[in-house]
Amino acid sequence: QVQLVESGGGLVQAGGSLGLSCGASGQISSIYSQGWFRQAPGKEREFVASMRLLDNRTYYSDSVKGRFTISRNSANHTLFLRMGSLKPEDSAVYYCASRIWSTMTFDYWGQGTQVTVSS
């Protein structure tokens, strides 16, 4: 089992920046990669960014590439998402998730944190 807790959401003006954090606990060794997803009202949950733990390789969706940065503090198992040049369409509930080695699927999810970008 892996427990994930996000923090750092809030309200920001368009063009601004915001950072999210995700603390992980439990069976950390079972984690293959960690990622961020988001879901806006009336839309499906979509991938934002992820990091593979064995080599810190990062992946981004085209919609956030160049504006968002995913990083991780391996010492305290915390995942970060630095969001810049924010747009109103970035408004959503952001979720942290962990993909585990045994299933290679994102089996563990945080509770989500709201990000609202005003125009």
N, C-alpha and C. Protein backbone atom coordinates (compact mmCIF):
# COMPACT_ATOMS: atom_id res chain seq x y z
N GLN A 1 0.84 -1.19 0.00
CA GLN A 1 0.00 0.00 0.00
C GLN A 1 0.87 1.25 0.00
N VAL A 2 0.41 2.25 -0.72
CA VAL A 2 1.10 3.54 -0.77
C VAL A 2 0.06 4.61 -0.46
N GLN A 3 0.41 5.52 0.42
CA GLN A 3 -0.48 6.63 0.74
C GLN A 3 0.11 7.91 0.16
N LEU A 4 -0.76 8.72 -0.44
CA LEU A 4 -0.34 9.95 -1.09
C LEU A 4 -1.18 11.11 -0.59
N VAL A 5 -0.53 12.21 -0.25
CA VAL A 5 -1.24 13.40 0.22
C VAL A 5 -0.71 14.62 -0.52
N GLU A 6 -1.61 15.28 -1.26
CA GLU A 6 -1.22 16.47 -2.00
C GLU A 6 -1.44 17.73 -1.17
N SER A 7 -0.70 18.76 -1.54
CA SER A 7 -0.91 20.07 -0.93
C SER A 7 -0.42 21.12 -1.91
N GLY A 8 -0.85 22.36 -1.69
CA GLY A 8 -0.32 23.47 -2.46
C GLY A 8 -1.24 24.09 -3.49
N GLY A 9 -2.43 23.57 -3.64
CA GLY A 9 -3.34 24.16 -4.61
C GLY A 9 -3.81 25.53 -4.15
N GLY A 10 -4.55 26.19 -5.03
CA GLY A 10 -5.08 27.51 -4.67
C GLY A 10 -5.52 28.29 -5.88
N LEU A 11 -5.69 29.59 -5.67
CA LEU A 11 -6.15 30.50 -6.70
C LEU A 11 -4.98 31.37 -7.16
N VAL A 12 -4.81 31.48 -8.47
CA VAL A 12 -3.72 32.28 -9.02
C VAL A 12 -4.21 32.96 -10.29
N GLN A 13 -3.63 34.10 -10.59
CA GLN A 13 -4.00 34.80 -11.81
C GLN A 13 -3.30 34.20 -13.02
N ALA A 14 -3.91 34.35 -14.17
CA ALA A 14 -3.31 33.86 -15.40
C ALA A 14 -1.92 34.48 -15.58
N GLY A 15 -0.99 33.63 -15.99
CA GLY A 15 0.39 34.07 -16.14
C GLY A 15 1.23 33.84 -14.90
N GLY A 16 0.59 33.50 -13.80
CA GLY A 16 1.29 33.30 -12.55
C GLY A 16 1.83 31.89 -12.40
N SER A 17 2.38 31.62 -11.21
CA SER A 17 2.98 30.33 -10.92
C SER A 17 2.41 29.76 -9.63
N LEU A 18 2.49 28.44 -9.53
CA LEU A 18 2.00 27.75 -8.34
C LEU A 18 2.73 26.44 -8.23
N GLY A 19 2.97 26.00 -6.99
CA GLY A 19 3.64 24.73 -6.79
C GLY A 19 2.78 23.76 -6.02
N LEU A 20 2.82 22.50 -6.41
CA LEU A 20 2.11 21.43 -5.72
C LEU A 20 3.12 20.45 -5.13
N SER A 21 2.74 19.85 -4.01
CA SER A 21 3.57 18.83 -3.38
C SER A 21 2.74 17.59 -3.14
N CYS A 22 3.41 16.46 -3.11
CA CYS A 22 2.74 15.19 -2.85
C CYS A 22 3.67 14.34 -1.98
N GLY A 23 3.24 14.12 -0.75
CA GLY A 23 4.01 13.28 0.15
C GLY A 23 3.57 11.84 0.05
N ALA A 24 4.54 10.94 -0.06
CA ALA A 24 4.25 9.51 -0.16
C ALA A 24 4.73 8.79 1.08
N SER A 25 3.97 7.78 1.48
CA SER A 25 4.35 6.93 2.60
C SER A 25 3.87 5.52 2.32
N GLY A 26 4.35 4.58 3.12
CA GLY A 26 3.98 3.19 2.92
C GLY A 26 5.07 2.43 2.17
N GLN A 27 4.66 1.57 1.23
CA GLN A 27 5.61 0.72 0.51
C GLN A 27 6.25 1.49 -0.65
N ILE A 28 7.17 2.38 -0.29
CA ILE A 28 7.81 3.22 -1.29
C ILE A 28 8.58 2.39 -2.31
N SER A 29 9.17 1.30 -1.88
CA SER A 29 9.97 0.47 -2.79
C SER A 29 9.14 -0.16 -3.90
N SER A 30 7.82 -0.16 -3.74
CA SER A 30 6.96 -0.75 -4.77
C SER A 30 6.67 0.21 -5.92
N ILE A 31 7.09 1.46 -5.78
CA ILE A 31 6.75 2.49 -6.76
C ILE A 31 7.71 2.48 -7.94
N TYR A 32 7.17 2.40 -9.14
CA TYR A 32 7.97 2.47 -10.37
C TYR A 32 8.07 3.93 -10.85
N SER A 33 6.96 4.62 -10.83
CA SER A 33 6.97 6.02 -11.24
C SER A 33 5.87 6.77 -10.49
N GLN A 34 6.01 8.08 -10.46
CA GLN A 34 4.98 8.92 -9.86
C GLN A 34 4.58 9.99 -10.86
N GLY A 35 3.32 10.40 -10.75
CA GLY A 35 2.86 11.36 -11.73
C GLY A 35 1.79 12.28 -11.20
N TRP A 36 1.48 13.25 -12.02
CA TRP A 36 0.40 14.20 -11.75
C TRP A 36 -0.63 14.09 -12.87
N PHE A 37 -1.88 14.09 -12.45
CA PHE A 37 -3.02 14.09 -13.37
C PHE A 37 -3.93 15.24 -12.95
N ARG A 38 -4.85 15.60 -13.82
CA ARG A 38 -5.80 16.65 -13.47
C ARG A 38 -7.16 16.34 -14.09
N GLN A 39 -8.18 16.88 -13.45
CA GLN A 39 -9.54 16.70 -13.95
C GLN A 39 -10.31 17.99 -13.77
N ALA A 40 -10.76 18.53 -14.88
CA ALA A 40 -11.59 19.73 -14.86
C ALA A 40 -13.05 19.30 -14.87
N PRO A 41 -13.94 20.17 -14.41
CA PRO A 41 -15.37 19.82 -14.37
C PRO A 41 -15.88 19.43 -15.75
N GLY A 42 -16.57 18.29 -15.80
CA GLY A 42 -17.15 17.83 -17.05
C GLY A 42 -16.17 17.19 -18.01
N LYS A 43 -14.92 17.04 -17.59
CA LYS A 43 -13.91 16.45 -18.46
C LYS A 43 -13.31 15.21 -17.80
N GLU A 44 -12.69 14.39 -18.63
CA GLU A 44 -12.04 13.19 -18.10
C GLU A 44 -10.70 13.57 -17.46
N ARG A 45 -10.26 12.72 -16.57
CA ARG A 45 -8.96 12.92 -15.94
C ARG A 45 -7.88 12.78 -17.02
N GLU A 46 -6.91 13.69 -17.00
CA GLU A 46 -5.87 13.64 -18.01
C GLU A 46 -4.48 13.66 -17.38
N PHE A 47 -3.56 13.04 -18.07
CA PHE A 47 -2.16 13.00 -17.64
C PHE A 47 -1.53 14.38 -17.77
N VAL A 48 -0.71 14.73 -16.78
CA VAL A 48 0.01 16.00 -16.82
C VAL A 48 1.52 15.77 -16.94
N ALA A 49 2.07 15.01 -16.00
CA ALA A 49 3.51 14.78 -15.99
C ALA A 49 3.82 13.57 -15.11
N SER A 50 4.96 12.93 -15.36
CA SER A 50 5.39 11.82 -14.52
C SER A 50 6.90 11.73 -14.48
N MET A 51 7.37 11.00 -13.48
CA MET A 51 8.81 10.79 -13.32
C MET A 51 9.06 9.33 -12.99
N ARG A 52 9.97 8.71 -13.73
CA ARG A 52 10.37 7.33 -13.46
C ARG A 52 11.45 7.35 -12.40
N LEU A 53 11.24 6.62 -11.32
CA LEU A 53 12.11 6.74 -10.15
C LEU A 53 13.51 6.17 -10.37
N LEU A 54 13.65 5.15 -11.22
CA LEU A 54 14.96 4.51 -11.31
C LEU A 54 16.00 5.40 -11.99
N ASP A 55 15.55 6.35 -12.82
CA ASP A 55 16.50 7.23 -13.50
C ASP A 55 16.03 8.68 -13.58
N ASN A 56 14.93 8.98 -12.88
CA ASN A 56 14.36 10.33 -12.85
C ASN A 56 13.96 10.86 -14.22
N ARG A 57 13.71 9.98 -15.15
CA ARG A 57 13.26 10.42 -16.47
C ARG A 57 11.87 11.01 -16.34
N THR A 58 11.65 12.13 -17.00
CA THR A 58 10.38 12.83 -16.89
C THR A 58 9.60 12.80 -18.21
N TYR A 59 8.30 12.89 -18.06
CA TYR A 59 7.39 12.90 -19.21
C TYR A 59 6.36 13.99 -18.96
N TYR A 60 5.97 14.67 -20.03
CA TYR A 60 5.00 15.74 -19.92
C TYR A 60 3.95 15.64 -21.03
N SER A 61 2.75 16.09 -20.73
CA SER A 61 1.76 16.22 -21.78
C SER A 61 2.13 17.44 -22.62
N ASP A 62 1.70 17.43 -23.86
CA ASP A 62 2.01 18.55 -24.75
C ASP A 62 1.44 19.86 -24.22
N SER A 63 0.34 19.78 -23.52
CA SER A 63 -0.34 20.99 -23.06
C SER A 63 0.43 21.72 -21.96
N VAL A 64 1.34 21.03 -21.27
CA VAL A 64 2.06 21.68 -20.17
C VAL A 64 3.57 21.73 -20.41
N LYS A 65 4.04 21.07 -21.45
CA LYS A 65 5.48 21.01 -21.71
C LYS A 65 6.05 22.42 -21.85
N GLY A 66 7.14 22.67 -21.14
CA GLY A 66 7.77 23.98 -21.17
C GLY A 66 7.23 24.94 -20.13
N ARG A 67 6.10 24.61 -19.52
CA ARG A 67 5.51 25.48 -18.50
C ARG A 67 5.54 24.83 -17.11
N PHE A 68 5.41 23.52 -17.06
CA PHE A 68 5.38 22.79 -15.80
C PHE A 68 6.67 21.99 -15.64
N THR A 69 7.09 21.81 -14.39
CA THR A 69 8.27 21.01 -14.10
C THR A 69 7.96 20.04 -12.96
N ILE A 70 8.19 18.77 -13.20
CA ILE A 70 8.02 17.75 -12.16
C ILE A 70 9.38 17.44 -11.57
N SER A 71 9.40 17.28 -10.26
CA SER A 71 10.65 16.93 -9.59
C SER A 71 10.33 16.11 -8.35
N ARG A 72 11.39 15.60 -7.73
CA ARG A 72 11.16 14.73 -6.57
C ARG A 72 12.31 14.85 -5.59
N ASN A 73 11.97 14.83 -4.32
CA ASN A 73 12.95 14.74 -3.26
C ASN A 73 12.93 13.30 -2.77
N SER A 74 13.93 12.53 -3.17
CA SER A 74 13.93 11.10 -2.83
C SER A 74 14.17 10.86 -1.35
N ALA A 75 14.79 11.81 -0.68
CA ALA A 75 15.09 11.63 0.74
C ALA A 75 13.82 11.55 1.59
N ASN A 76 12.83 12.38 1.23
CA ASN A 76 11.59 12.34 2.00
C ASN A 76 10.38 11.94 1.16
N HIS A 77 10.66 11.36 -0.02
CA HIS A 77 9.61 10.77 -0.87
C HIS A 77 8.53 11.79 -1.24
N THR A 78 8.94 13.00 -1.55
CA THR A 78 7.98 14.03 -1.90
C THR A 78 8.10 14.37 -3.38
N LEU A 79 6.97 14.41 -4.04
CA LEU A 79 6.90 14.75 -5.46
C LEU A 79 6.41 16.19 -5.59
N PHE A 80 6.97 16.92 -6.54
CA PHE A 80 6.58 18.31 -6.73
C PHE A 80 6.12 18.54 -8.17
N LEU A 81 5.29 19.57 -8.32
CA LEU A 81 4.92 20.04 -9.65
C LEU A 81 4.97 21.55 -9.60
N ARG A 82 5.90 22.11 -10.34
CA ARG A 82 6.01 23.56 -10.43
C ARG A 82 5.31 23.99 -11.71
N MET A 83 4.29 24.83 -11.54
CA MET A 83 3.46 25.24 -12.67
C MET A 83 3.70 26.72 -12.94
N GLY A 84 4.07 27.04 -14.16
CA GLY A 84 4.31 28.42 -14.54
C GLY A 84 3.50 28.80 -15.76
N SER A 85 3.45 30.11 -16.02
CA SER A 85 2.68 30.63 -17.16
C SER A 85 1.28 30.03 -17.19
N LEU A 86 0.64 30.03 -16.05
CA LEU A 86 -0.64 29.35 -15.91
C LEU A 86 -1.72 30.01 -16.75
N LYS A 87 -2.62 29.17 -17.26
CA LYS A 87 -3.73 29.61 -18.09
C LYS A 87 -5.04 29.20 -17.43
N PRO A 88 -6.13 29.89 -17.72
CA PRO A 88 -7.41 29.48 -17.14
C PRO A 88 -7.74 28.00 -17.43
N GLU A 89 -7.32 27.51 -18.57
CA GLU A 89 -7.61 26.10 -18.91
C GLU A 89 -6.79 25.11 -18.09
N ASP A 90 -5.85 25.60 -17.28
CA ASP A 90 -5.13 24.72 -16.36
C ASP A 90 -5.93 24.48 -15.08
N SER A 91 -7.03 25.19 -14.91
CA SER A 91 -7.86 25.02 -13.72
C SER A 91 -8.42 23.61 -13.67
N ALA A 92 -8.23 22.96 -12.54
CA ALA A 92 -8.68 21.57 -12.38
C ALA A 92 -8.34 21.11 -10.97
N VAL A 93 -8.83 19.94 -10.64
CA VAL A 93 -8.34 19.25 -9.46
C VAL A 93 -7.12 18.43 -9.89
N TYR A 94 -6.02 18.62 -9.22
CA TYR A 94 -4.78 17.94 -9.55
C TYR A 94 -4.57 16.77 -8.58
N TYR A 95 -4.23 15.63 -9.16
CA TYR A 95 -4.04 14.42 -8.38
C TYR A 95 -2.61 13.91 -8.55
N CYS A 96 -2.06 13.44 -7.45
CA CYS A 96 -0.79 12.75 -7.47
C CYS A 96 -1.10 11.24 -7.53
N ALA A 97 -0.28 10.51 -8.26
CA ALA A 97 -0.52 9.07 -8.38
C ALA A 97 0.80 8.32 -8.46
N SER A 98 0.74 7.05 -8.05
CA SER A 98 1.93 6.20 -8.09
C SER A 98 1.66 4.97 -8.94
N ARG A 99 2.59 4.70 -9.86
CA ARG A 99 2.53 3.47 -10.64
C ARG A 99 3.46 2.47 -9.96
N ILE A 100 2.98 1.28 -9.70
CA ILE A 100 3.79 0.31 -8.97
C ILE A 100 4.33 -0.77 -9.90
N TRP A 101 5.43 -1.38 -9.47
CA TRP A 101 6.13 -2.36 -10.29
C TRP A 101 5.26 -3.57 -10.63
N SER A 102 4.46 -4.03 -9.69
CA SER A 102 3.74 -5.30 -9.88
C SER A 102 2.64 -5.22 -10.92
N THR A 103 2.07 -4.04 -11.13
CA THR A 103 0.97 -3.91 -12.08
C THR A 103 1.27 -2.97 -13.24
N MET A 104 2.25 -2.09 -13.04
CA MET A 104 2.60 -1.06 -14.03
C MET A 104 1.40 -0.18 -14.36
N THR A 105 0.54 -0.02 -13.38
CA THR A 105 -0.57 0.91 -13.53
C THR A 105 -0.56 1.87 -12.35
N PHE A 106 -1.21 3.01 -12.52
CA PHE A 106 -1.30 3.98 -11.43
C PHE A 106 -2.40 3.50 -10.47
N ASP A 107 -1.98 2.74 -9.48
CA ASP A 107 -2.91 2.11 -8.56
C ASP A 107 -3.23 2.95 -7.33
N TYR A 108 -2.35 3.90 -7.02
CA TYR A 108 -2.54 4.68 -5.81
C TYR A 108 -2.68 6.16 -6.16
N TRP A 109 -3.68 6.78 -5.52
CA TRP A 109 -4.01 8.16 -5.83
C TRP A 109 -4.17 8.98 -4.56
N GLY A 110 -3.82 10.25 -4.67
CA GLY A 110 -4.08 11.16 -3.58
C GLY A 110 -5.52 11.66 -3.65
N GLN A 111 -5.86 12.52 -2.72
CA GLN A 111 -7.24 13.01 -2.63
C GLN A 111 -7.50 14.16 -3.58
N GLY A 112 -6.46 14.76 -4.12
CA GLY A 112 -6.62 15.85 -5.07
C GLY A 112 -6.53 17.20 -4.41
N THR A 113 -6.08 18.18 -5.17
CA THR A 113 -6.01 19.56 -4.69
C THR A 113 -6.46 20.49 -5.81
N GLN A 114 -7.27 21.47 -5.47
CA GLN A 114 -7.86 22.34 -6.47
C GLN A 114 -6.89 23.44 -6.89
N VAL A 115 -6.78 23.62 -8.20
CA VAL A 115 -6.02 24.74 -8.77
C VAL A 115 -6.99 25.54 -9.63
N THR A 116 -7.09 26.82 -9.33
CA THR A 116 -7.98 27.70 -10.10
C THR A 116 -7.16 28.87 -10.64
N VAL A 117 -7.22 29.05 -11.95
CA VAL A 117 -6.49 30.13 -12.60
C VAL A 117 -7.51 31.14 -13.13
N SER A 118 -7.45 32.34 -12.62
CA SER A 118 -8.40 33.38 -13.04
C SER A 118 -7.83 34.17 -14.21
N SER A 119 -8.73 34.61 -15.08
CA SER A 119 -8.30 35.34 -16.28
C SER A 119 -8.23 36.83 -16.03
